[in-house]
Amino acid sequence: MANVFKKLIRKELGEINYHRYSSFIKKNIDSRMNDSQTIYNDMYEKLKCRDLKAIAKMHNRLNDTMILAFRISKNFLFAFLFYILASLYLIFRSMGPEFTAISLVLVNLCFAYKVYEFISNKFCYVDAQIVLVYKAVLDRIILNQRKSMNEK
């Protein structure tokens, strides 16, 4: 499972462009401004010919993804507390040892998935940088198209 930003960029811009952008950022990790401007220009050229409705949908999907990433981070504390309480309940509940062991294994597997989801979304710096550039491109295109509509 990839992080939510990676999935969005792959879906919106394609697998090849995602790998190109991420490898470019990883290769030029020290010169952040040049990375962003180069990627910005490339994305802008690819997206500027799309109509306003398509760009607005892309912008909405981006906003939804950013909210989802925030929720994953925010809800991890609740998942952790639930994991602790569920484990303690299962340990101190008077069940057979085999049922307790199976239940604890299942709870641990579920929590391991939540930990993986949290870590993959928390530490996706390259993908977050691509998403920030993508948001700037979409904002610029929407602004330019609205400005040109107002001039007509």
Protein backbone atom coordinates (compact mmCIF):
# COMPACT_ATOMS: atom_id res chain seq x y z
CA MET A 1 0.00 0.00 0.00
CA ALA A 2 1.41 3.35 -1.03
CA ASN A 3 0.82 6.57 0.81
CA VAL A 4 -2.16 8.65 -0.25
CA PHE A 5 -0.09 11.35 -1.96
CA LYS A 6 1.75 8.81 -4.08
CA LYS A 7 -1.51 7.19 -5.14
CA LEU A 8 -3.00 10.55 -6.10
CA ILE A 9 -0.04 11.69 -8.19
CA ARG A 10 0.17 8.33 -9.93
CA LYS A 11 -3.53 8.49 -10.75
CA GLU A 12 -3.59 12.13 -11.85
CA LEU A 13 -0.29 12.44 -13.72
CA GLY A 14 0.64 8.85 -14.49
CA GLU A 15 3.13 6.33 -13.22
CA ILE A 16 5.93 7.48 -15.51
CA ASN A 17 5.64 11.14 -14.50
CA TYR A 18 5.49 10.21 -10.82
CA HIS A 19 8.72 8.21 -11.06
CA ARG A 20 10.37 10.97 -13.06
CA TYR A 21 9.43 13.65 -10.50
CA SER A 22 10.34 11.56 -7.46
CA SER A 23 13.70 10.47 -8.86
CA PHE A 24 14.46 14.07 -9.83
CA ILE A 25 13.71 15.27 -6.31
CA LYS A 26 15.72 12.46 -4.70
CA LYS A 27 18.67 13.13 -7.00
CA ASN A 28 18.67 16.89 -6.36
CA ILE A 29 17.77 16.85 -2.68
CA ASP A 30 20.01 19.84 -1.83
CA SER A 31 18.68 22.33 -4.39
CA ARG A 32 14.99 22.44 -3.45
CA MET A 33 14.09 25.58 -5.40
CA ASN A 34 15.40 24.27 -8.72
CA ASP A 35 13.58 20.97 -8.20
CA SER A 36 10.30 22.66 -7.54
CA GLN A 37 10.56 25.08 -10.44
CA THR A 38 11.52 22.40 -12.95
CA ILE A 39 8.72 20.10 -11.82
CA TYR A 40 6.31 23.05 -11.69
CA ASN A 41 7.08 23.98 -15.29
CA ASP A 42 6.69 20.40 -16.48
CA MET A 43 3.37 19.90 -14.67
CA TYR A 44 2.09 23.25 -15.86
CA GLU A 45 2.82 22.36 -19.48
CA LYS A 46 1.01 19.04 -19.11
CA LEU A 47 -2.07 20.48 -17.39
CA LYS A 48 -2.57 23.96 -18.86
CA CYS A 49 -4.59 22.71 -21.84
CA ARG A 50 -7.26 21.04 -19.69
CA ASP A 51 -10.60 22.75 -19.17
CA LEU A 52 -11.66 24.42 -15.95
CA LYS A 53 -14.06 21.62 -14.92
CA ALA A 54 -11.33 18.97 -15.16
CA ILE A 55 -8.89 21.15 -13.24
CA ALA A 56 -11.53 21.85 -10.57
CA LYS A 57 -12.14 18.10 -10.16
CA MET A 58 -8.42 17.51 -9.84
CA HIS A 59 -8.23 20.27 -7.24
CA ASN A 60 -11.11 18.72 -5.28
CA ARG A 61 -9.45 15.28 -5.35
CA LEU A 62 -6.24 16.89 -4.12
CA ASN A 63 -8.07 18.58 -1.25
CA ASP A 64 -9.78 15.28 -0.33
CA THR A 65 -6.43 13.51 -0.33
CA MET A 66 -4.87 16.15 1.89
CA ILE A 67 -7.77 15.78 4.34
CA LEU A 68 -7.36 11.99 4.27
CA ALA A 69 -3.64 12.30 5.05
CA PHE A 70 -4.48 14.58 7.96
CA ARG A 71 -7.11 12.14 9.26
CA ILE A 72 -4.69 9.23 9.11
CA SER A 73 -2.24 11.19 11.23
CA LYS A 74 -4.89 12.46 13.61
CA ASN A 75 -6.61 9.09 14.13
CA PHE A 76 -3.44 7.18 14.88
CA LEU A 77 -3.56 8.16 18.55
CA PHE A 78 -7.09 6.75 18.82
CA ALA A 79 -6.00 3.54 17.09
CA PHE A 80 -3.07 3.22 19.49
CA LEU A 81 -5.30 3.73 22.54
CA PHE A 82 -7.82 1.24 21.20
CA TYR A 83 -5.02 -1.26 20.59
CA ILE A 84 -3.76 -0.93 24.18
CA LEU A 85 -7.24 -1.20 25.68
CA ALA A 86 -8.23 -4.14 23.47
CA SER A 87 -5.01 -5.99 24.29
CA LEU A 88 -5.45 -5.43 28.02
CA TYR A 89 -9.08 -6.54 27.82
CA LEU A 90 -8.15 -9.73 25.98
CA ILE A 91 -5.34 -10.52 28.38
CA PHE A 92 -7.39 -10.05 31.53
CA ARG A 93 -10.57 -11.62 30.14
CA SER A 94 -11.01 -15.17 31.33
CA MET A 95 -10.98 -16.99 28.00
CA GLY A 96 -9.13 -20.06 26.92
CA PRO A 97 -5.46 -19.43 26.17
CA GLU A 98 -5.85 -20.39 22.50
CA PHE A 99 -8.68 -17.88 22.00
CA THR A 100 -6.71 -15.20 23.78
CA ALA A 101 -3.62 -15.87 21.65
CA ILE A 102 -5.61 -15.86 18.39
CA SER A 103 -7.40 -12.65 19.40
CA LEU A 104 -4.15 -10.95 20.34
CA VAL A 105 -2.55 -11.99 17.05
CA LEU A 106 -5.50 -10.51 15.12
CA VAL A 107 -5.42 -7.28 17.12
CA ASN A 108 -1.64 -7.03 16.57
CA LEU A 109 -2.06 -7.55 12.82
CA CYS A 110 -4.67 -4.80 12.65
CA PHE A 111 -2.48 -2.46 14.64
CA ALA A 112 0.55 -3.30 12.49
CA TYR A 113 -1.46 -2.24 9.44
CA LYS A 114 -2.36 1.08 11.12
CA VAL A 115 1.29 1.65 12.05
CA TYR A 116 2.38 0.98 8.48
CA GLU A 117 -0.30 3.33 7.14
CA PHE A 118 0.70 6.04 9.61
CA ILE A 119 4.44 5.78 8.91
CA SER A 120 4.05 5.63 5.13
CA ASN A 121 1.92 8.78 5.19
CA LYS A 122 3.91 10.59 7.87
CA PHE A 123 7.32 10.26 6.23
CA CYS A 124 6.58 10.82 2.55
CA TYR A 125 8.64 13.97 2.09
CA VAL A 126 9.27 13.46 -1.62
CA ASP A 127 5.59 12.83 -2.33
CA ALA A 128 4.56 15.78 -0.18
CA GLN A 129 6.89 18.04 -2.16
CA ILE A 130 5.40 16.80 -5.44
CA VAL A 131 1.89 17.38 -4.08
CA LEU A 132 2.75 20.92 -3.02
CA VAL A 133 4.02 21.70 -6.51
CA TYR A 134 0.93 20.03 -7.98
CA LYS A 135 -1.32 22.20 -5.79
CA ALA A 136 0.54 25.34 -6.88
CA VAL A 137 0.11 24.36 -10.54
CA LEU A 138 -3.61 23.72 -10.14
CA ASP A 139 -4.09 26.98 -8.24
CA ARG A 140 -2.23 28.93 -10.94
CA ILE A 141 -4.24 27.34 -13.77
CA ILE A 142 -7.55 28.02 -12.00
CA LEU A 143 -6.52 31.60 -11.28
CA ASN A 144 -5.41 32.19 -14.88
CA GLN A 145 -8.57 30.68 -16.35
CA ARG A 146 -10.84 32.68 -14.05
CA LYS A 147 -8.90 35.84 -14.82
CA SER A 148 -9.26 35.22 -18.56
CA MET A 149 -13.00 34.54 -18.13
CA ASN A 150 -13.44 37.84 -16.25
CA GLU A 151 -11.61 39.74 -18.99
CA LYS A 152 -14.02 38.44 -21.64
